[in-house]
Amino acid sequence: MTFIEFKKRLLDIDMTLPRFCDLIKVSDKNIQSYKKKGEVPNTIAAIVTCFVAMEKNNIDFKTVICELDLKKKTKKGGFAKKKKKQLKEVPEA
């Protein structure tokens, strides 16, 4: 699915990109990066397509997703220094 098709499907369910990201607990920057690539991954395409189908069938997808109690994943460590590996001493021959 192209990024443009993805954005159109968000419009079909009256949802902004930040609200979509918050609902599925994904970084807004992560989804925005697909704009440069021109297409979204299959999983994101499947999710938004299911949301559109649920909306058309009067299913409150937002409540269904919230009940999953998804957690936003964060990177651990950041710029923390990596521990240097100690060099083994080589015995002299």
C-alpha atoms as a PDB file:
ATOM      1  CA  MET A   1       0.000   0.000   0.000  1.00  0.00           C
ATOM      2  CA  THR A   2       1.357   3.410  -0.870  1.00  0.00           C
ATOM      3  CA  PHE A   3       1.714   6.038   1.819  1.00  0.00           C
ATOM      4  CA  ILE A   4      -0.910   8.150   0.017  1.00  0.00           C
ATOM      5  CA  GLU A   5      -3.411   5.251   0.064  1.00  0.00           C
ATOM      6  CA  PHE A   6      -2.652   4.782   3.752  1.00  0.00           C
ATOM      7  CA  LYS A   7      -3.382   8.453   4.479  1.00  0.00           C
ATOM      8  CA  LYS A   8      -6.661   8.228   2.493  1.00  0.00           C
ATOM      9  CA  ARG A   9      -7.757   5.266   4.588  1.00  0.00           C
ATOM     10  CA  LEU A  10      -7.028   7.247   7.731  1.00  0.00           C
ATOM     11  CA  LEU A  11      -9.317   9.955   6.362  1.00  0.00           C
ATOM     12  CA  ASP A  12     -12.023   7.295   5.801  1.00  0.00           C
ATOM     13  CA  ILE A  13     -12.061   6.676   9.546  1.00  0.00           C
ATOM     14  CA  ASP A  14     -11.628  10.347  10.512  1.00  0.00           C
ATOM     15  CA  MET A  15      -8.274   9.688  12.127  1.00  0.00           C
ATOM     16  CA  THR A  16      -5.080  11.696  12.088  1.00  0.00           C
ATOM     17  CA  LEU A  17      -1.674  10.090  11.820  1.00  0.00           C
ATOM     18  CA  PRO A  18      -0.705  11.020  15.403  1.00  0.00           C
ATOM     19  CA  ARG A  19      -3.963   9.537  16.758  1.00  0.00           C
ATOM     20  CA  PHE A  20      -3.408   6.353  14.724  1.00  0.00           C
ATOM     21  CA  CYS A  21       0.120   6.048  16.093  1.00  0.00           C
ATOM     22  CA  ASP A  22      -1.077   6.614  19.635  1.00  0.00           C
ATOM     23  CA  LEU A  23      -3.819   3.999  19.242  1.00  0.00           C
ATOM     24  CA  ILE A  24      -1.501   1.252  18.024  1.00  0.00           C
ATOM     25  CA  LYS A  25       1.406   2.447  20.224  1.00  0.00           C
ATOM     26  CA  VAL A  26       3.876   3.114  17.421  1.00  0.00           C
ATOM     27  CA  SER A  27       6.173   6.089  17.087  1.00  0.00           C
ATOM     28  CA  ASP A  28       4.863   8.873  14.862  1.00  0.00           C
ATOM     29  CA  LYS A  29       8.387   9.266  13.468  1.00  0.00           C
ATOM     30  CA  ASN A  30       8.409   5.586  12.575  1.00  0.00           C
ATOM     31  CA  ILE A  31       5.260   5.889  10.455  1.00  0.00           C
ATOM     32  CA  GLN A  32       6.368   9.218   8.965  1.00  0.00           C
ATOM     33  CA  SER A  33       9.561   7.543   7.737  1.00  0.00           C
ATOM     34  CA  TYR A  34       7.443   5.444   5.359  1.00  0.00           C
ATOM     35  CA  LYS A  35       6.470   8.634   3.553  1.00  0.00           C
ATOM     36  CA  LYS A  36       9.999   8.828   2.121  1.00  0.00           C
ATOM     37  CA  LYS A  37       9.870   5.180   1.078  1.00  0.00           C
ATOM     38  CA  GLY A  38       6.505   5.735  -0.590  1.00  0.00           C
ATOM     39  CA  GLU A  39       4.781   2.734   0.940  1.00  0.00           C
ATOM     40  CA  VAL A  40       3.860   1.325   4.309  1.00  0.00           C
ATOM     41  CA  PRO A  41       4.673  -2.182   5.593  1.00  0.00           C
ATOM     42  CA  ASN A  42       2.091  -4.918   5.141  1.00  0.00           C
ATOM     43  CA  THR A  43       1.224  -4.951   8.846  1.00  0.00           C
ATOM     44  CA  ILE A  44       0.366  -1.235   8.895  1.00  0.00           C
ATOM     45  CA  ALA A  45      -1.628  -1.622   5.662  1.00  0.00           C
ATOM     46  CA  ALA A  46      -3.540  -4.552   7.152  1.00  0.00           C
ATOM     47  CA  ILE A  47      -4.268  -2.674  10.377  1.00  0.00           C
ATOM     48  CA  VAL A  48      -5.659   0.440   8.707  1.00  0.00           C
ATOM     49  CA  THR A  49      -7.675  -1.656   6.230  1.00  0.00           C
ATOM     50  CA  CYS A  50      -9.219  -3.617   9.099  1.00  0.00           C
ATOM     51  CA  PHE A  51     -10.041  -0.371  10.894  1.00  0.00           C
ATOM     52  CA  VAL A  52     -11.842   0.907   7.785  1.00  0.00           C
ATOM     53  CA  ALA A  53     -13.824  -2.352   7.461  1.00  0.00           C
ATOM     54  CA  MET A  54     -14.737  -2.287  11.141  1.00  0.00           C
ATOM     55  CA  GLU A  55     -15.862   1.349  10.884  1.00  0.00           C
ATOM     56  CA  LYS A  56     -18.089   0.497   7.890  1.00  0.00           C
ATOM     57  CA  ASN A  57     -19.679  -2.295   9.933  1.00  0.00           C
ATOM     58  CA  ASN A  58     -20.254  -0.013  12.927  1.00  0.00           C
ATOM     59  CA  ILE A  59     -17.686  -1.798  15.077  1.00  0.00           C
ATOM     60  CA  ASP A  60     -15.921   0.424  17.576  1.00  0.00           C
ATOM     61  CA  PHE A  61     -12.360  -0.541  16.668  1.00  0.00           C
ATOM     62  CA  LYS A  62     -10.869   2.017  19.054  1.00  0.00           C
ATOM     63  CA  THR A  63     -12.348   0.279  22.086  1.00  0.00           C
ATOM     64  CA  VAL A  64     -11.282  -3.126  20.760  1.00  0.00           C
ATOM     65  CA  ILE A  65      -7.679  -1.937  20.358  1.00  0.00           C
ATOM     66  CA  CYS A  66      -7.622  -0.137  23.724  1.00  0.00           C
ATOM     67  CA  GLU A  67      -8.733  -3.359  25.433  1.00  0.00           C
ATOM     68  CA  LEU A  68      -5.518  -4.984  24.196  1.00  0.00           C
ATOM     69  CA  ASP A  69      -3.602  -2.717  26.585  1.00  0.00           C
ATOM     70  CA  LEU A  70      -0.741  -2.308  24.103  1.00  0.00           C
ATOM     71  CA  LYS A  71       2.510  -0.861  25.400  1.00  0.00           C
ATOM     72  CA  LYS A  72       4.696   1.541  23.482  1.00  0.00           C
ATOM     73  CA  LYS A  73       8.167   0.122  23.006  1.00  0.00           C
ATOM     74  CA  THR A  74      11.095   2.361  23.755  1.00  0.00           C
ATOM     75  CA  LYS A  75      14.736   2.058  22.899  1.00  0.00           C
ATOM     76  CA  LYS A  76      16.923   1.200  25.837  1.00  0.00           C
ATOM     77  CA  GLY A  77      20.390   2.574  26.307  1.00  0.00           C
ATOM     78  CA  GLY A  78      20.415   5.477  23.913  1.00  0.00           C
ATOM     79  CA  PHE A  79      23.859   7.029  23.872  1.00  0.00           C
ATOM     80  CA  ALA A  80      25.133   5.084  26.858  1.00  0.00           C
ATOM     81  CA  LYS A  81      28.723   3.948  26.522  1.00  0.00           C
ATOM     82  CA  LYS A  82      29.249   0.307  25.778  1.00  0.00           C
ATOM     83  CA  LYS A  83      31.423  -1.567  28.208  1.00  0.00           C
ATOM     84  CA  LYS A  84      34.821  -2.207  26.765  1.00  0.00           C
ATOM     85  CA  LYS A  85      35.750  -5.846  26.477  1.00  0.00           C
ATOM     86  CA  GLN A  86      38.796  -6.670  28.461  1.00  0.00           C
ATOM     87  CA  LEU A  87      41.624  -7.982  26.363  1.00  0.00           C
ATOM     88  CA  LYS A  88      42.947 -11.327  27.465  1.00  0.00           C
ATOM     89  CA  GLU A  89      46.592 -11.287  28.295  1.00  0.00           C
ATOM     90  CA  VAL A  90      48.622 -13.432  25.998  1.00  0.00           C
ATOM     91  CA  PRO A  91      51.277 -15.404  27.874  1.00  0.00           C
ATOM     92  CA  GLU A  92      54.790 -14.725  26.684  1.00  0.00           C
ATOM     93  CA  ALA A  93      56.496 -17.694  25.087  1.00  0.00           C
END
